[in-house]
Every structure is written in C-alpha cells, then in structure tokens.
Protein backbone atom coordinates (compact mmCIF):
# COMPACT_ATOMS: atom_id res chain seq x y z
CA UNK A 1 60.63 55.16 29.66
CA UNK A 2 57.47 53.61 32.16
CA UNK A 3 55.00 51.29 31.51
CA UNK A 4 52.58 54.34 32.42
CA UNK A 5 53.59 56.06 29.26
CA UNK A 6 52.02 53.13 27.18
CA UNK A 7 48.82 52.83 28.91
CA UNK A 8 46.54 55.59 28.62
CA UNK A 9 45.07 57.47 31.22
CA UNK A 10 46.38 55.09 33.74
CA UNK A 11 49.15 55.27 35.86
CA UNK A 12 51.55 52.47 37.13
CA UNK A 13 53.85 52.89 40.14
CA UNK A 14 55.63 49.41 41.47
CA UNK A 15 56.86 49.67 45.12
CA UNK A 16 59.39 47.54 46.91
CA UNK A 17 61.27 46.35 43.59
CA UNK A 18 65.28 45.78 43.73
CA UNK A 19 67.34 47.51 41.32
CA UNK A 20 68.86 44.40 40.62
CA UNK A 21 66.15 42.40 38.94
CA UNK A 22 64.56 42.78 35.55
CA UNK A 23 60.76 42.75 36.03
CA UNK A 24 57.90 42.09 33.50
CA UNK A 25 54.68 43.19 34.05
CA UNK A 26 50.52 42.61 32.32
CA UNK A 27 47.75 44.57 32.80
CA UNK A 28 44.48 43.28 32.79
CA UNK A 29 42.37 44.82 30.30
CA UNK A 30 38.55 44.78 29.87
CA UNK A 31 37.76 41.23 31.92
CA UNK A 32 36.80 38.85 28.69
CA UNK A 33 37.37 35.80 27.98
CA UNK A 34 39.25 35.78 24.84
CA UNK A 35 42.00 38.33 26.79
CA UNK A 36 42.17 39.02 30.13
CA UNK A 37 45.82 40.30 30.33
CA UNK A 38 47.64 42.02 28.02
CA UNK A 39 51.21 40.69 26.63
CA UNK A 40 53.85 40.94 28.77
CA UNK A 41 55.64 44.36 28.78
CA UNK A 42 59.27 44.23 27.49
CA UNK A 43 62.00 43.52 30.45
CA UNK A 44 62.36 46.39 32.84
CA UNK A 45 64.96 47.29 35.53
CA UNK A 46 63.92 49.23 38.91
CA UNK A 47 65.91 52.25 38.87
CA UNK A 48 67.66 52.94 41.82
CA UNK A 49 70.39 55.57 43.05
CA UNK A 50 73.45 55.73 42.16
CA UNK A 51 76.41 54.06 44.49
CA UNK A 52 78.26 57.22 44.87
CA UNK A 53 74.55 58.73 46.29
CA UNK A 54 73.88 55.29 47.90
CA UNK A 55 77.32 55.74 49.92
CA UNK A 56 76.06 58.69 51.47
CA UNK A 57 72.74 57.45 53.29
CA UNK A 58 72.60 53.81 55.78
CA UNK A 59 72.19 51.18 53.12
CA UNK A 60 69.23 49.28 52.57
CA UNK A 61 65.76 49.05 50.94
CA UNK A 62 64.00 51.10 53.80
CA UNK A 63 65.79 54.41 53.93
CA UNK A 64 63.19 56.58 54.13
CA UNK A 65 63.20 60.76 53.78
CA UNK A 66 60.77 63.04 54.50
CA UNK A 67 58.26 65.08 51.92
CA UNK A 68 54.98 66.80 53.18
CA UNK A 69 52.62 63.83 52.35
CA UNK A 70 54.95 61.54 54.90
CA UNK A 71 57.82 58.93 54.31
CA UNK A 72 59.41 58.43 51.09
CA UNK A 73 61.96 55.50 49.81
CA UNK A 74 65.40 56.89 48.80
CA UNK A 75 65.76 55.79 45.86
CA UNK A 76 62.19 57.10 44.29
CA UNK A 77 63.22 60.62 45.52
CA UNK A 78 66.94 61.13 43.85
CA UNK A 79 67.51 58.48 41.49
CA UNK A 80 69.10 60.00 38.67
CA UNK A 81 68.57 63.19 39.90
CA UNK A 82 70.63 66.00 40.81
CA UNK A 83 70.67 66.58 44.26
CA UNK A 84 71.08 69.89 46.47
CA UNK A 85 71.74 69.17 50.53
CA UNK A 86 70.66 71.56 51.82
CA UNK A 87 72.32 72.20 55.76
CA UNK A 88 70.27 74.78 57.61
CA UNK A 89 68.56 75.51 61.20
CA UNK A 90 66.02 77.40 62.24
CA UNK A 91 67.96 79.66 64.59
CA UNK A 92 70.45 80.63 62.23
CA UNK A 93 69.33 83.97 60.63
CA UNK A 94 70.86 83.98 57.38
CA UNK A 95 69.41 79.95 56.76
CA UNK A 96 66.18 82.02 57.19
CA UNK A 97 66.89 84.68 54.67
CA UNK A 98 68.61 81.95 52.50
CA UNK A 99 65.38 79.47 52.90
CA UNK A 100 62.89 81.84 50.81
CA UNK A 101 65.08 82.34 47.62
CA UNK A 102 65.75 78.85 47.31
CA UNK A 103 62.49 77.42 47.64
CA UNK A 104 61.56 80.32 44.44
CA UNK A 105 64.08 78.74 42.67
CA UNK A 106 63.25 75.04 43.58
CA UNK A 107 59.19 75.98 42.79
CA UNK A 108 60.70 77.81 39.25
CA UNK A 109 62.58 74.15 38.43
CA UNK A 110 59.74 72.43 39.18
CA UNK A 111 57.06 74.31 36.57
CA UNK A 112 59.91 74.10 34.02
CA UNK A 113 60.30 71.46 31.24
CA UNK A 114 62.05 68.99 33.60
CA UNK A 115 60.30 69.08 36.62
CA UNK A 116 62.32 65.91 38.40
CA UNK A 117 65.41 66.64 37.06
CA UNK A 118 66.78 68.05 40.62
CA UNK A 119 65.60 67.59 44.51
CA UNK A 120 66.61 69.71 47.47
CA UNK A 121 67.27 67.62 50.82
CA UNK A 122 66.87 69.36 53.98
CA UNK A 123 69.26 68.26 56.43
CA UNK A 124 68.41 70.07 59.59
CA UNK A 125 71.07 71.07 62.37
CA UNK A 126 68.32 72.34 64.87
CA UNK A 127 68.79 71.26 68.26
CA UNK A 128 64.98 69.76 68.50
CA UNK A 129 62.41 67.97 66.67
CA UNK A 130 59.98 71.12 67.24
CA UNK A 131 62.02 73.40 65.91
CA UNK A 132 62.85 70.98 62.64
CA UNK A 133 59.30 70.61 62.66
CA UNK A 134 58.70 74.55 62.34
CA UNK A 135 61.20 75.20 60.19
CA UNK A 136 60.27 72.14 57.56
CA UNK A 137 56.72 73.60 57.35
CA UNK A 138 57.67 76.20 55.25
CA UNK A 139 60.27 74.12 52.97
CA UNK A 140 58.71 72.62 49.41
CA UNK A 141 61.54 70.54 48.95
CA UNK A 142 62.27 66.48 51.18
CA UNK A 143 63.92 66.34 54.27
CA UNK A 144 66.16 63.50 56.34
CA UNK A 145 64.20 62.77 58.99
CA UNK A 146 65.10 64.63 62.72
CA UNK A 147 65.39 61.83 64.61
CA UNK A 148 66.75 61.25 68.22
CA UNK A 149 68.90 58.87 66.33
CA UNK A 150 70.88 61.36 63.86
CA UNK A 151 73.45 59.38 62.46
CA UNK A 152 72.35 60.32 59.09
CA UNK A 153 72.60 64.28 59.54
CA UNK A 154 75.71 63.86 61.70
CA UNK A 155 77.15 61.66 58.76
CA UNK A 156 76.15 64.29 55.79
CA UNK A 157 77.41 66.94 58.19
CA UNK A 158 80.78 65.14 58.88
CA UNK A 159 81.10 64.44 55.01
CA UNK A 160 81.21 67.67 53.46
CA UNK A 161 82.79 69.39 56.69
CA UNK A 162 79.94 72.08 57.21
CA UNK A 163 81.38 74.49 59.84
CA UNK A 164 79.02 77.26 59.01
CA UNK A 165 74.94 77.66 57.49
CA UNK A 166 73.52 78.82 55.34
CA UNK A 167 75.41 75.45 52.98
CA UNK A 168 74.01 73.87 49.66
CA UNK A 169 76.03 70.81 48.43
CA UNK A 170 75.47 70.39 45.25
CA UNK A 171 75.44 66.66 43.43
CA UNK A 172 75.15 65.42 40.05
CA UNK A 173 73.03 62.38 39.45
CA UNK A 174 75.85 60.06 40.34
CA UNK A 175 76.67 61.74 43.84
CA UNK A 176 80.15 63.56 42.93
CA UNK A 177 80.42 67.23 44.29
CA UNK A 178 79.26 69.80 41.53
CA UNK A 179 79.91 72.75 44.24
CA UNK A 180 80.57 73.12 47.56
CA UNK A 181 78.68 75.60 48.97
CA UNK A 182 76.30 76.96 46.34
CA UNK A 183 74.82 80.14 48.77
CA UNK A 184 75.61 83.19 47.12
CA UNK A 185 75.99 81.86 43.78
CA UNK A 186 74.02 81.88 40.50
CA UNK A 187 71.94 79.24 40.68
C-alpha cells in the first residue's frame, strides 16, 4: 500500500529513500490556521530489491537503468517484480526476429490486471553504442546502460553463461532463476 492510495486525486512519489529506514509522511492540505498539515501517516519502509537481485548489479543506491525517458533507479524499476533479462544484439538476425514477439508479450502484460508484476531488462551484446541505441529504440522496456565500462553487462553474461543469443533469463522477485532460457517457450 502506498501513501498515494490514501490521497484523493494526488500522487506521491518520494525519491532517495533507503530501505533500512522507517518513514512517516504528512501532507499539507488547504492552508488554514487550525490544521496546516495532516496527521502523520502510518510508518512505512521504502521498497527495495531483493538481495538475490541486488547481487547481480553493483552495490549502491545510485545503480541506474535506462528507460525511454532517461535513467531510472534500479530499485524503483525492479523491486518486487519478476525480471526477464533479455540478452540480445542488433547484429543478430534471430534476435531481431524474437524482439517483436517479446515486445508484443510485454505490451500485453502491461495492459493486464498486473501491469507492474514483470519487467524486461535488455542486456546488450552490441559492439558499439550506436548499434545499441538503434536497437534499444525499438524496445518498450528498460536496458542496462551501454557504457565504455561494460562491467555490468559482462558480469550478467558471465553469471548466466550466455554463449548464444537471443537469450531470455527469467528471474523471480527474489532474484532466483525460474528459466535459464525462455526463448522459444510459451511465455
């Protein structure tokens, strides 16, 4: 339950909260002398990703992923979700055939009754950033940033022994492997 669910016609999103701290919030209602703020909310903890999922990425509160609108905090993007790691590259013909199928599946999930239950994360095996940008522009999901320092991408490739693509590794919300390669299987 979020604080926003208890407010009418409002949305509350607080960034830079740590998962080890308990928070309370107050909102400023109509300004009046009697009650300038609401009573404090119930105590809440920030959502964080599971330790199993966190170990796949570098430590720290500032781990970022790419979205179509810019960068997004890793914990905000993946906390409590089934995560599909999509290892693919622009130069790979079978990948370019599978990507639209996965995109259709992903978009159907986003329109379902649980649109925030699953996230796909593109892990590029492209050779240059231009190819990555071109290929990622056709995808509706998130991506591991393409940096000169590709330790995250290489670390994920090594962790899941990626030796051919396309490859779709399905992880549960705790970071455990559900399927080592869901390409070609019914999703």
